[in-house]
């Protein structure tokens, strides 16, 4: 049976990644999607997940559900980030295998790699050094998820594939200035500064760190491609293979928003890791590349933000 006709469960379908994956599956003609909100199905609850799989028996599972948050949340609630994600992953991966799913896609995160990993970061650098302390609880859980996928493949032959997306952005992102990631935070900051007529926007740090950004619709397209074309043991990085400095990103966002003032860098604030770029050689060799150029992707995201922001 083709993936198009399969019963597909997307866990976390209302999140940034999950909602984009649902859009991509629908565009591909997948009509048998199984979707549950967290209120309808608590993925941390083993008995509830067991009942769900016994009743629905999905043939394909995309695990995009996770407890996520920024540095402050990770630091404040280490138990929640480690325990909740371990419970979600274990329940869904085990339930998928035991109730006859033929394939599972697990979405990890680029934060699984060591703090001082080589740049760009190949999949082979996993577990070769200490993690970034500010999100190690989340990272440890995601590493366990990758290894659980590999363990089920090794012991039972279960086709569980782990993907490592880089920094995502796009429609449905979190634009809260206190809890969002850098790209949506800058979009909101420039938008509000323009509305107020401010003369400058302050950006944390020196502006020199470099980051990679992937439009969430490109991630969804990669998921669909790998669902149909990859059955490997090794995890796969999903990114663009290109990065940009925070200073360049801020200037680009200011231009897209139409902010006329100055940029000022607050060098008293931390920069974080100097560079975070994924090595996407494995993904490219499988025949997939990102298509959404950064300027066009940010412009489309800004249009979504102005139409939907509250």
C-alpha atoms as a PDB file:
ATOM      1  CA  UNK A   1       0.000   0.000   0.000  1.00  0.00           C
ATOM      2  CA  UNK A   2       1.320   3.465  -0.864  1.00  0.00           C
ATOM      3  CA  UNK A   3       1.780   6.107   1.826  1.00  0.00           C
ATOM      4  CA  UNK A   4      -0.953   8.085   0.077  1.00  0.00           C
ATOM      5  CA  UNK A   5      -3.590   5.487   0.963  1.00  0.00           C
ATOM      6  CA  UNK A   6      -2.264   4.579   4.406  1.00  0.00           C
ATOM      7  CA  UNK A   7      -3.798   5.463   7.760  1.00  0.00           C
ATOM      8  CA  UNK A   8      -1.347   8.069   9.068  1.00  0.00           C
ATOM      9  CA  UNK A   9      -1.197   9.304  12.661  1.00  0.00           C
ATOM     10  CA  UNK A  10       0.492  12.704  13.053  1.00  0.00           C
ATOM     11  CA  UNK A  11       1.295  13.203  16.737  1.00  0.00           C
ATOM     12  CA  UNK A  12       1.560  16.902  17.544  1.00  0.00           C
ATOM     13  CA  UNK A  13      -0.477  18.043  14.538  1.00  0.00           C
ATOM     14  CA  UNK A  14      -1.204  21.491  15.957  1.00  0.00           C
ATOM     15  CA  UNK A  15       2.440  22.467  16.492  1.00  0.00           C
ATOM     16  CA  UNK A  16       4.667  24.357  14.048  1.00  0.00           C
ATOM     17  CA  UNK A  17       6.137  21.202  12.461  1.00  0.00           C
ATOM     18  CA  UNK A  18       3.096  18.957  12.859  1.00  0.00           C
ATOM     19  CA  UNK A  19       0.659  21.382  11.225  1.00  0.00           C
ATOM     20  CA  UNK A  20       2.991  21.812   8.236  1.00  0.00           C
ATOM     21  CA  UNK A  21       3.314  18.021   7.908  1.00  0.00           C
ATOM     22  CA  UNK A  22      -0.486  17.704   7.890  1.00  0.00           C
ATOM     23  CA  UNK A  23      -0.694  20.325   5.114  1.00  0.00           C
ATOM     24  CA  UNK A  24       1.907  18.428   3.062  1.00  0.00           C
ATOM     25  CA  UNK A  25       0.187  15.077   3.532  1.00  0.00           C
ATOM     26  CA  UNK A  26      -3.154  16.570   2.505  1.00  0.00           C
ATOM     27  CA  UNK A  27      -1.527  18.154  -0.566  1.00  0.00           C
ATOM     28  CA  UNK A  28      -0.189  14.680  -1.486  1.00  0.00           C
ATOM     29  CA  UNK A  29      -3.726  13.294  -1.364  1.00  0.00           C
ATOM     30  CA  UNK A  30      -3.487  11.501   1.984  1.00  0.00           C
ATOM     31  CA  UNK A  31      -7.109  11.285   3.086  1.00  0.00           C
ATOM     32  CA  UNK A  32      -6.798   8.884   6.028  1.00  0.00           C
ATOM     33  CA  UNK A  33      -5.146  11.139   8.596  1.00  0.00           C
ATOM     34  CA  UNK A  34      -5.592  10.343  12.287  1.00  0.00           C
ATOM     35  CA  UNK A  35      -5.322  13.466  14.448  1.00  0.00           C
ATOM     36  CA  UNK A  36      -5.763  13.980  18.194  1.00  0.00           C
ATOM     37  CA  UNK A  37      -5.279  17.100  20.294  1.00  0.00           C
ATOM     38  CA  UNK A  38      -3.421  16.808  23.592  1.00  0.00           C
ATOM     39  CA  UNK A  39      -6.784  17.226  25.355  1.00  0.00           C
ATOM     40  CA  UNK A  40      -8.149  14.233  23.430  1.00  0.00           C
ATOM     41  CA  UNK A  41      -5.040  12.068  23.888  1.00  0.00           C
ATOM     42  CA  UNK A  42      -2.323  12.665  26.483  1.00  0.00           C
ATOM     43  CA  UNK A  43       0.699  11.003  24.912  1.00  0.00           C
ATOM     44  CA  UNK A  44       2.371  10.823  28.334  1.00  0.00           C
ATOM     45  CA  UNK A  45      -0.375   8.441  29.505  1.00  0.00           C
ATOM     46  CA  UNK A  46       0.724   4.914  28.603  1.00  0.00           C
ATOM     47  CA  UNK A  47      -2.720   3.339  29.078  1.00  0.00           C
ATOM     48  CA  UNK A  48      -4.430   6.015  26.962  1.00  0.00           C
ATOM     49  CA  UNK A  49      -1.864   5.644  24.168  1.00  0.00           C
ATOM     50  CA  UNK A  50      -2.264   1.872  24.286  1.00  0.00           C
ATOM     51  CA  UNK A  51      -6.043   2.180  23.876  1.00  0.00           C
ATOM     52  CA  UNK A  52      -5.616   4.666  21.043  1.00  0.00           C
ATOM     53  CA  UNK A  53      -3.303   2.399  19.035  1.00  0.00           C
ATOM     54  CA  UNK A  54      -5.471  -0.655  19.658  1.00  0.00           C
ATOM     55  CA  UNK A  55      -8.525   1.212  18.325  1.00  0.00           C
ATOM     56  CA  UNK A  56      -7.013   3.126  15.380  1.00  0.00           C
ATOM     57  CA  UNK A  57      -4.090   0.915  14.246  1.00  0.00           C
ATOM     58  CA  UNK A  58      -2.273   3.526  12.139  1.00  0.00           C
ATOM     59  CA  UNK A  59      -0.027   2.167   9.397  1.00  0.00           C
ATOM     60  CA  UNK A  60       2.337   5.150   9.436  1.00  0.00           C
ATOM     61  CA  UNK A  61       3.197   7.339  12.446  1.00  0.00           C
ATOM     62  CA  UNK A  62       4.860  10.769  12.368  1.00  0.00           C
ATOM     63  CA  UNK A  63       6.027  11.732  15.859  1.00  0.00           C
ATOM     64  CA  UNK A  64       6.188  15.535  15.878  1.00  0.00           C
ATOM     65  CA  UNK A  65       4.839  15.929  19.434  1.00  0.00           C
ATOM     66  CA  UNK A  66       7.191  17.107  22.167  1.00  0.00           C
ATOM     67  CA  UNK A  67       7.410  19.368  25.180  1.00  0.00           C
ATOM     68  CA  UNK A  68       9.437  22.308  23.883  1.00  0.00           C
ATOM     69  CA  UNK A  69      10.595  25.657  25.224  1.00  0.00           C
ATOM     70  CA  UNK A  70      13.434  28.137  25.382  1.00  0.00           C
ATOM     71  CA  UNK A  71      16.463  28.406  27.645  1.00  0.00           C
ATOM     72  CA  UNK A  72      14.529  29.728  30.649  1.00  0.00           C
ATOM     73  CA  UNK A  73      11.901  26.972  30.482  1.00  0.00           C
ATOM     74  CA  UNK A  74      14.552  24.248  30.075  1.00  0.00           C
ATOM     75  CA  UNK A  75      16.475  25.614  33.038  1.00  0.00           C
ATOM     76  CA  UNK A  76      13.377  26.024  35.223  1.00  0.00           C
ATOM     77  CA  UNK A  77      11.651  22.694  34.495  1.00  0.00           C
ATOM     78  CA  UNK A  78      14.336  20.058  33.804  1.00  0.00           C
ATOM     79  CA  UNK A  79      12.140  17.203  35.098  1.00  0.00           C
ATOM     80  CA  UNK A  80       9.263  18.141  32.774  1.00  0.00           C
ATOM     81  CA  UNK A  81      11.480  18.357  29.698  1.00  0.00           C
ATOM     82  CA  UNK A  82      13.226  15.053  30.364  1.00  0.00           C
ATOM     83  CA  UNK A  83      10.330  13.011  31.792  1.00  0.00           C
ATOM     84  CA  UNK A  84       7.530  14.232  29.502  1.00  0.00           C
ATOM     85  CA  UNK A  85       9.510  13.748  26.302  1.00  0.00           C
ATOM     86  CA  UNK A  86      10.762  10.310  27.369  1.00  0.00           C
ATOM     87  CA  UNK A  87       7.161   9.282  28.124  1.00  0.00           C
ATOM     88  CA  UNK A  88       5.781  10.631  24.835  1.00  0.00           C
ATOM     89  CA  UNK A  89       8.478   8.967  22.728  1.00  0.00           C
ATOM     90  CA  UNK A  90       8.425   5.620  24.514  1.00  0.00           C
ATOM     91  CA  UNK A  91       4.641   5.329  24.445  1.00  0.00           C
ATOM     92  CA  UNK A  92       4.269   6.296  20.772  1.00  0.00           C
ATOM     93  CA  UNK A  93       7.232   4.333  19.383  1.00  0.00           C
ATOM     94  CA  UNK A  94       6.368   1.200  21.357  1.00  0.00           C
ATOM     95  CA  UNK A  95       2.648   1.477  20.562  1.00  0.00           C
ATOM     96  CA  UNK A  96       3.403   1.955  16.867  1.00  0.00           C
ATOM     97  CA  UNK A  97       5.504  -1.195  16.714  1.00  0.00           C
ATOM     98  CA  UNK A  98       3.225  -3.420  18.798  1.00  0.00           C
ATOM     99  CA  UNK A  99       0.061  -2.447  16.919  1.00  0.00           C
ATOM    100  CA  UNK A 100       1.426  -3.079  13.469  1.00  0.00           C
ATOM    101  CA  UNK A 101       2.561   0.272  12.059  1.00  0.00           C
ATOM    102  CA  UNK A 102       4.873  -0.295   9.117  1.00  0.00           C
ATOM    103  CA  UNK A 103       6.819   2.957   9.414  1.00  0.00           C
ATOM    104  CA  UNK A 104       7.531   5.673  11.951  1.00  0.00           C
ATOM    105  CA  UNK A 105       9.191   9.068  11.493  1.00  0.00           C
ATOM    106  CA  UNK A 106      10.627  10.586  14.671  1.00  0.00           C
ATOM    107  CA  UNK A 107      11.507  14.292  14.704  1.00  0.00           C
ATOM    108  CA  UNK A 108      14.533  15.074  16.819  1.00  0.00           C
ATOM    109  CA  UNK A 109      16.367  18.391  17.037  1.00  0.00           C
ATOM    110  CA  UNK A 110      19.755  19.843  16.097  1.00  0.00           C
ATOM    111  CA  UNK A 111      20.375  20.524  19.825  1.00  0.00           C
ATOM    112  CA  UNK A 112      21.249  16.826  20.225  1.00  0.00           C
ATOM    113  CA  UNK A 113      24.750  17.514  18.915  1.00  0.00           C
ATOM    114  CA  UNK A 114      27.683  18.418  21.179  1.00  0.00           C
ATOM    115  CA  UNK A 115      28.169  22.065  22.115  1.00  0.00           C
ATOM    116  CA  UNK A 116      31.550  22.118  20.355  1.00  0.00           C
ATOM    117  CA  UNK A 117      30.631  19.899  17.401  1.00  0.00           C
ATOM    118  CA  UNK A 118      32.476  20.421  14.114  1.00  0.00           C
ATOM    119  CA  UNK A 119      30.751  22.824  11.711  1.00  0.00           C
ATOM    120  CA  UNK A 120      28.789  21.905   9.705  1.00  0.00           C
ATOM    121  CA  UNK A 121      27.584  19.144  12.053  1.00  0.00           C
ATOM    122  CA  UNK A 122      27.435  15.629  10.549  1.00  0.00           C
ATOM    123  CA  UNK A 123      25.149  12.958  11.981  1.00  0.00           C
ATOM    124  CA  UNK A 124      28.280  11.057  13.040  1.00  0.00           C
ATOM    125  CA  UNK A 125      29.155  13.648  15.720  1.00  0.00           C
ATOM    126  CA  UNK A 126      26.246  12.497  17.914  1.00  0.00           C
ATOM    127  CA  UNK A 127      27.478  11.489  21.411  1.00  0.00           C
ATOM    128  CA  UNK A 128      31.046  12.662  20.751  1.00  0.00           C
ATOM    129  CA  UNK A 129      31.101  15.456  23.347  1.00  0.00           C
ATOM    130  CA  UNK A 130      29.220  17.340  26.076  1.00  0.00           C
ATOM    131  CA  UNK A 131      25.910  19.021  25.280  1.00  0.00           C
ATOM    132  CA  UNK A 132      24.975  22.688  25.530  1.00  0.00           C
ATOM    133  CA  UNK A 133      23.995  22.934  29.249  1.00  0.00           C
ATOM    134  CA  UNK A 134      21.042  25.280  28.664  1.00  0.00           C
ATOM    135  CA  UNK A 135      18.964  22.624  26.891  1.00  0.00           C
ATOM    136  CA  UNK A 136      20.584  19.343  27.884  1.00  0.00           C
ATOM    137  CA  UNK A 137      17.385  17.903  29.422  1.00  0.00           C
ATOM    138  CA  UNK A 138      15.497  18.225  26.140  1.00  0.00           C
ATOM    139  CA  UNK A 139      18.534  17.074  24.161  1.00  0.00           C
ATOM    140  CA  UNK A 140      19.038  13.943  26.285  1.00  0.00           C
ATOM    141  CA  UNK A 141      15.387  12.994  25.762  1.00  0.00           C
ATOM    142  CA  UNK A 142      15.683  13.481  21.989  1.00  0.00           C
ATOM    143  CA  UNK A 143      18.891  11.417  21.870  1.00  0.00           C
ATOM    144  CA  UNK A 144      17.040   8.659  23.726  1.00  0.00           C
ATOM    145  CA  UNK A 145      14.305   8.864  21.069  1.00  0.00           C
ATOM    146  CA  UNK A 146      16.833   8.405  18.266  1.00  0.00           C
ATOM    147  CA  UNK A 147      18.400   5.451  20.035  1.00  0.00           C
ATOM    148  CA  UNK A 148      14.971   3.928  20.725  1.00  0.00           C
ATOM    149  CA  UNK A 149      14.185   4.081  16.998  1.00  0.00           C
ATOM    150  CA  UNK A 150      17.502   2.377  16.254  1.00  0.00           C
ATOM    151  CA  UNK A 151      16.913  -0.232  18.965  1.00  0.00           C
ATOM    152  CA  UNK A 152      13.482  -1.188  17.601  1.00  0.00           C
ATOM    153  CA  UNK A 153      14.952  -1.447  14.093  1.00  0.00           C
ATOM    154  CA  UNK A 154      17.868  -3.562  15.322  1.00  0.00           C
ATOM    155  CA  UNK A 155      15.880  -5.900  17.597  1.00  0.00           C
ATOM    156  CA  UNK A 156      12.583  -6.140  15.737  1.00  0.00           C
ATOM    157  CA  UNK A 157      13.242  -4.863  12.215  1.00  0.00           C
ATOM    158  CA  UNK A 158      10.798  -1.985  12.780  1.00  0.00           C
ATOM    159  CA  UNK A 159      11.184   0.731  10.123  1.00  0.00           C
ATOM    160  CA  UNK A 160      11.670   3.670  12.512  1.00  0.00           C
ATOM    161  CA  UNK A 161      13.518   6.659  11.026  1.00  0.00           C
ATOM    162  CA  UNK A 162      14.887   9.633  12.988  1.00  0.00           C
ATOM    163  CA  UNK A 163      15.135  13.110  11.414  1.00  0.00           C
ATOM    164  CA  UNK A 164      17.102  16.042  12.859  1.00  0.00           C
ATOM    165  CA  UNK A 165      15.598  19.367  11.731  1.00  0.00           C
ATOM    166  CA  UNK A 166      17.571  22.604  12.061  1.00  0.00           C
ATOM    167  CA  UNK A 167      15.971  25.839  13.367  1.00  0.00           C
ATOM    168  CA  UNK A 168      12.431  26.016  11.966  1.00  0.00           C
ATOM    169  CA  UNK A 169      10.279  29.027  11.167  1.00  0.00           C
ATOM    170  CA  UNK A 170       7.075  29.717   9.271  1.00  0.00           C
ATOM    171  CA  UNK A 171       3.294  30.077   9.638  1.00  0.00           C
ATOM    172  CA  UNK A 172       2.033  29.041  13.053  1.00  0.00           C
ATOM    173  CA  UNK A 173       5.297  29.947  14.810  1.00  0.00           C
ATOM    174  CA  UNK A 174       5.481  31.328  18.348  1.00  0.00           C
ATOM    175  CA  UNK A 175       5.967  35.118  18.163  1.00  0.00           C
ATOM    176  CA  UNK A 176       5.972  35.799  21.920  1.00  0.00           C
ATOM    177  CA  UNK A 177       8.981  37.999  22.715  1.00  0.00           C
ATOM    178  CA  UNK A 178       9.633  36.181  26.001  1.00  0.00           C
ATOM    179  CA  UNK A 179       9.488  32.582  24.791  1.00  0.00           C
ATOM    180  CA  UNK A 180      10.041  32.527  21.016  1.00  0.00           C
ATOM    181  CA  UNK A 181      13.164  31.721  19.022  1.00  0.00           C
ATOM    182  CA  UNK A 182      15.312  34.382  17.397  1.00  0.00           C
ATOM    183  CA  UNK A 183      13.695  34.699  13.940  1.00  0.00           C
ATOM    184  CA  UNK A 184      10.032  35.112  15.011  1.00  0.00           C
ATOM    185  CA  UNK A 185      11.140  37.288  17.963  1.00  0.00           C
ATOM    186  CA  UNK A 186      12.985  39.646  15.600  1.00  0.00           C
ATOM    187  CA  UNK A 187       9.989  39.741  13.236  1.00  0.00           C
ATOM    188  CA  UNK A 188       7.720  40.864  16.053  1.00  0.00           C
ATOM    189  CA  UNK A 189      10.301  43.271  17.451  1.00  0.00           C
ATOM    190  CA  UNK A 190      10.757  45.045  14.105  1.00  0.00           C
ATOM    191  CA  UNK A 191       7.002  45.034  13.413  1.00  0.00           C
ATOM    192  CA  UNK A 192       6.216  46.711  16.738  1.00  0.00           C
ATOM    193  CA  UNK A 193       9.120  49.169  16.423  1.00  0.00           C
ATOM    194  CA  UNK A 194       7.829  50.233  13.003  1.00  0.00           C
ATOM    195  CA  UNK A 195       4.293  50.644  14.356  1.00  0.00           C
ATOM    196  CA  UNK A 196       5.557  52.842  17.201  1.00  0.00           C
ATOM    197  CA  UNK A 197       7.872  54.824  14.949  1.00  0.00           C
ATOM    198  CA  UNK A 198      10.973  53.873  16.960  1.00  0.00           C
ATOM    199  CA  UNK A 199      14.342  55.139  15.775  1.00  0.00           C
ATOM    200  CA  UNK A 200      16.231  51.948  16.628  1.00  0.00           C
ATOM    201  CA  UNK A 201      15.842  48.265  17.361  1.00  0.00           C
ATOM    202  CA  UNK A 202      18.134  46.616  19.901  1.00  0.00           C
ATOM    203  CA  UNK A 203      19.405  43.115  19.071  1.00  0.00           C
ATOM    204  CA  UNK A 204      20.989  40.936  21.757  1.00  0.00           C
ATOM    205  CA  UNK A 205      24.698  40.143  21.432  1.00  0.00           C
ATOM    206  CA  UNK A 206      27.265  41.113  18.845  1.00  0.00           C
ATOM    207  CA  UNK A 207      25.320  39.910  15.808  1.00  0.00           C
ATOM    208  CA  UNK A 208      28.200  37.654  14.732  1.00  0.00           C
ATOM    209  CA  UNK A 209      26.852  34.155  15.638  1.00  0.00           C
ATOM    210  CA  UNK A 210      25.690  32.216  12.596  1.00  0.00           C
ATOM    211  CA  UNK A 211      22.510  30.167  12.434  1.00  0.00           C
ATOM    212  CA  UNK A 212      20.685  28.023   9.872  1.00  0.00           C
ATOM    213  CA  UNK A 213      16.943  28.440   9.262  1.00  0.00           C
ATOM    214  CA  UNK A 214      14.579  26.040   7.495  1.00  0.00           C
ATOM    215  CA  UNK A 215      11.046  26.958   6.464  1.00  0.00           C
ATOM    216  CA  UNK A 216       8.659  24.517   8.102  1.00  0.00           C
ATOM    217  CA  UNK A 217       7.024  23.714   4.729  1.00  0.00           C
ATOM    218  CA  UNK A 218      10.414  22.510   3.501  1.00  0.00           C
ATOM    219  CA  UNK A 219      10.706  20.275   6.578  1.00  0.00           C
ATOM    220  CA  UNK A 220       7.254  18.868   5.807  1.00  0.00           C
ATOM    221  CA  UNK A 221       8.286  18.190   2.216  1.00  0.00           C
ATOM    222  CA  UNK A 222      11.442  16.408   3.434  1.00  0.00           C
ATOM    223  CA  UNK A 223       9.290  14.279   5.762  1.00  0.00           C
ATOM    224  CA  UNK A 224       7.056  13.244   2.872  1.00  0.00           C
ATOM    225  CA  UNK A 225      10.095  12.481   0.699  1.00  0.00           C
ATOM    226  CA  UNK A 226      11.847  10.394   3.367  1.00  0.00           C
ATOM    227  CA  UNK A 227       8.612   8.619   4.240  1.00  0.00           C
ATOM    228  CA  UNK A 228       8.634   7.294   0.688  1.00  0.00           C
ATOM    229  CA  UNK A 229      12.377   6.973   0.027  1.00  0.00           C
ATOM    230  CA  UNK A 230      14.360   6.150   3.189  1.00  0.00           C
ATOM    231  CA  UNK A 231      14.513   3.047   5.354  1.00  0.00           C
ATOM    232  CA  UNK A 232      17.885   3.589   7.000  1.00  0.00           C
ATOM    233  CA  UNK A 233      19.270   2.955  10.497  1.00  0.00           C
ATOM    234  CA  UNK A 234      21.172   6.242  10.648  1.00  0.00           C
ATOM    235  CA  UNK A 235      19.445   9.538  11.538  1.00  0.00           C
ATOM    236  CA  UNK A 236      19.154  12.197   8.816  1.00  0.00           C
ATOM    237  CA  UNK A 237      19.855  15.917   9.236  1.00  0.00           C
ATOM    238  CA  UNK A 238      17.222  18.145   7.617  1.00  0.00           C
ATOM    239  CA  UNK A 239      18.386  21.663   6.810  1.00  0.00           C
ATOM    240  CA  UNK A 240      19.397  24.026   4.033  1.00  0.00           C
ATOM    241  CA  UNK A 241      23.165  23.631   4.340  1.00  0.00           C
ATOM    242  CA  UNK A 242      23.470  27.436   4.546  1.00  0.00           C
ATOM    243  CA  UNK A 243      23.673  29.813   7.485  1.00  0.00           C
ATOM    244  CA  UNK A 244      23.440  33.548   8.136  1.00  0.00           C
ATOM    245  CA  UNK A 245      24.777  35.797  10.897  1.00  0.00           C
ATOM    246  CA  UNK A 246      22.282  37.186  13.401  1.00  0.00           C
ATOM    247  CA  UNK A 247      23.299  40.687  12.276  1.00  0.00           C
ATOM    248  CA  UNK A 248      22.538  39.861   8.647  1.00  0.00           C
ATOM    249  CA  UNK A 249      19.271  38.214   9.671  1.00  0.00           C
ATOM    250  CA  UNK A 250      18.204  41.293  11.652  1.00  0.00           C
ATOM    251  CA  UNK A 251      19.009  43.586   8.715  1.00  0.00           C
ATOM    252  CA  UNK A 252      17.049  41.321   6.338  1.00  0.00           C
ATOM    253  CA  UNK A 253      14.021  41.201   8.639  1.00  0.00           C
ATOM    254  CA  UNK A 254      14.126  44.987   9.098  1.00  0.00           C
ATOM    255  CA  UNK A 255      14.124  45.383   5.330  1.00  0.00           C
ATOM    256  CA  UNK A 256      11.192  42.969   4.843  1.00  0.00           C
ATOM    257  CA  UNK A 257       9.141  44.623   7.601  1.00  0.00           C
ATOM    258  CA  UNK A 258       9.952  48.092   6.261  1.00  0.00           C
ATOM    259  CA  UNK A 259      11.619  49.426   9.408  1.00  0.00           C
ATOM    260  CA  UNK A 260      13.448  52.672   8.634  1.00  0.00           C
ATOM    261  CA  UNK A 261      15.484  53.107  11.831  1.00  0.00           C
ATOM    262  CA  UNK A 262      18.875  51.893  13.049  1.00  0.00           C
ATOM    263  CA  UNK A 263      20.100  48.568  14.387  1.00  0.00           C
ATOM    264  CA  UNK A 264      21.939  48.543  17.709  1.00  0.00           C
ATOM    265  CA  UNK A 265      23.667  45.484  19.147  1.00  0.00           C
ATOM    266  CA  UNK A 266      23.651  45.071  22.924  1.00  0.00           C
ATOM    267  CA  UNK A 267      27.028  43.413  23.427  1.00  0.00           C
ATOM    268  CA  UNK A 268      26.396  43.007  27.164  1.00  0.00           C
ATOM    269  CA  UNK A 269      23.973  40.186  26.257  1.00  0.00           C
ATOM    270  CA  UNK A 270      25.240  36.642  25.496  1.00  0.00           C
ATOM    271  CA  UNK A 271      25.910  35.428  21.961  1.00  0.00           C
ATOM    272  CA  UNK A 272      25.527  31.700  22.581  1.00  0.00           C
ATOM    273  CA  UNK A 273      27.262  29.176  20.325  1.00  0.00           C
ATOM    274  CA  UNK A 274      29.301  30.910  17.572  1.00  0.00           C
ATOM    275  CA  UNK A 275      27.880  28.733  14.797  1.00  0.00           C
ATOM    276  CA  UNK A 276      25.210  26.042  14.339  1.00  0.00           C
ATOM    277  CA  UNK A 277      24.980  24.541  10.861  1.00  0.00           C
ATOM    278  CA  UNK A 278      23.902  21.025   9.877  1.00  0.00           C
ATOM    279  CA  UNK A 279      25.810  18.925   7.385  1.00  0.00           C
ATOM    280  CA  UNK A 280      23.073  17.861   4.944  1.00  0.00           C
ATOM    281  CA  UNK A 281      25.256  15.647   2.737  1.00  0.00           C
ATOM    282  CA  UNK A 282      23.275  12.503   3.633  1.00  0.00           C
ATOM    283  CA  UNK A 283      19.938  14.135   2.794  1.00  0.00           C
ATOM    284  CA  UNK A 284      21.267  15.590  -0.470  1.00  0.00           C
ATOM    285  CA  UNK A 285      22.612  12.172  -1.488  1.00  0.00           C
ATOM    286  CA  UNK A 286      19.112  10.756  -0.968  1.00  0.00           C
ATOM    287  CA  UNK A 287      17.835  13.246  -3.550  1.00  0.00           C
ATOM    288  CA  UNK A 288      16.181  16.023  -1.514  1.00  0.00           C
ATOM    289  CA  UNK A 289      17.061  19.719  -1.160  1.00  0.00           C
ATOM    290  CA  UNK A 290      15.353  22.683   0.505  1.00  0.00           C
ATOM    291  CA  UNK A 291      13.548  24.965  -1.955  1.00  0.00           C
ATOM    292  CA  UNK A 292      12.252  27.966   0.004  1.00  0.00           C
ATOM    293  CA  UNK A 293      14.802  30.803  -0.100  1.00  0.00           C
ATOM    294  CA  UNK A 294      15.219  32.648   3.205  1.00  0.00           C
ATOM    295  CA  UNK A 295      14.028  36.093   2.072  1.00  0.00           C
ATOM    296  CA  UNK A 296      10.899  34.663   0.436  1.00  0.00           C
ATOM    297  CA  UNK A 297      10.221  32.433   3.441  1.00  0.00           C
ATOM    298  CA  UNK A 298      10.523  35.296   5.933  1.00  0.00           C
ATOM    299  CA  UNK A 299       8.317  37.543   3.772  1.00  0.00           C
ATOM    300  CA  UNK A 300       5.607  34.855   3.661  1.00  0.00           C
ATOM    301  CA  UNK A 301       5.917  34.301   7.414  1.00  0.00           C
ATOM    302  CA  UNK A 302       5.584  38.034   8.043  1.00  0.00           C
ATOM    303  CA  UNK A 303       2.429  38.116   5.931  1.00  0.00           C
ATOM    304  CA  UNK A 304       1.034  35.269   8.014  1.00  0.00           C
ATOM    305  CA  UNK A 305       2.004  37.066  11.231  1.00  0.00           C
ATOM    306  CA  UNK A 306       0.305  40.340  10.263  1.00  0.00           C
ATOM    307  CA  UNK A 307      -2.867  38.449   9.283  1.00  0.00           C
ATOM    308  CA  UNK A 308      -2.994  36.230  12.370  1.00  0.00           C
ATOM    309  CA  UNK A 309      -1.136  37.889  15.262  1.00  0.00           C
ATOM    310  CA  UNK A 310      -3.127  38.879  18.315  1.00  0.00           C
END
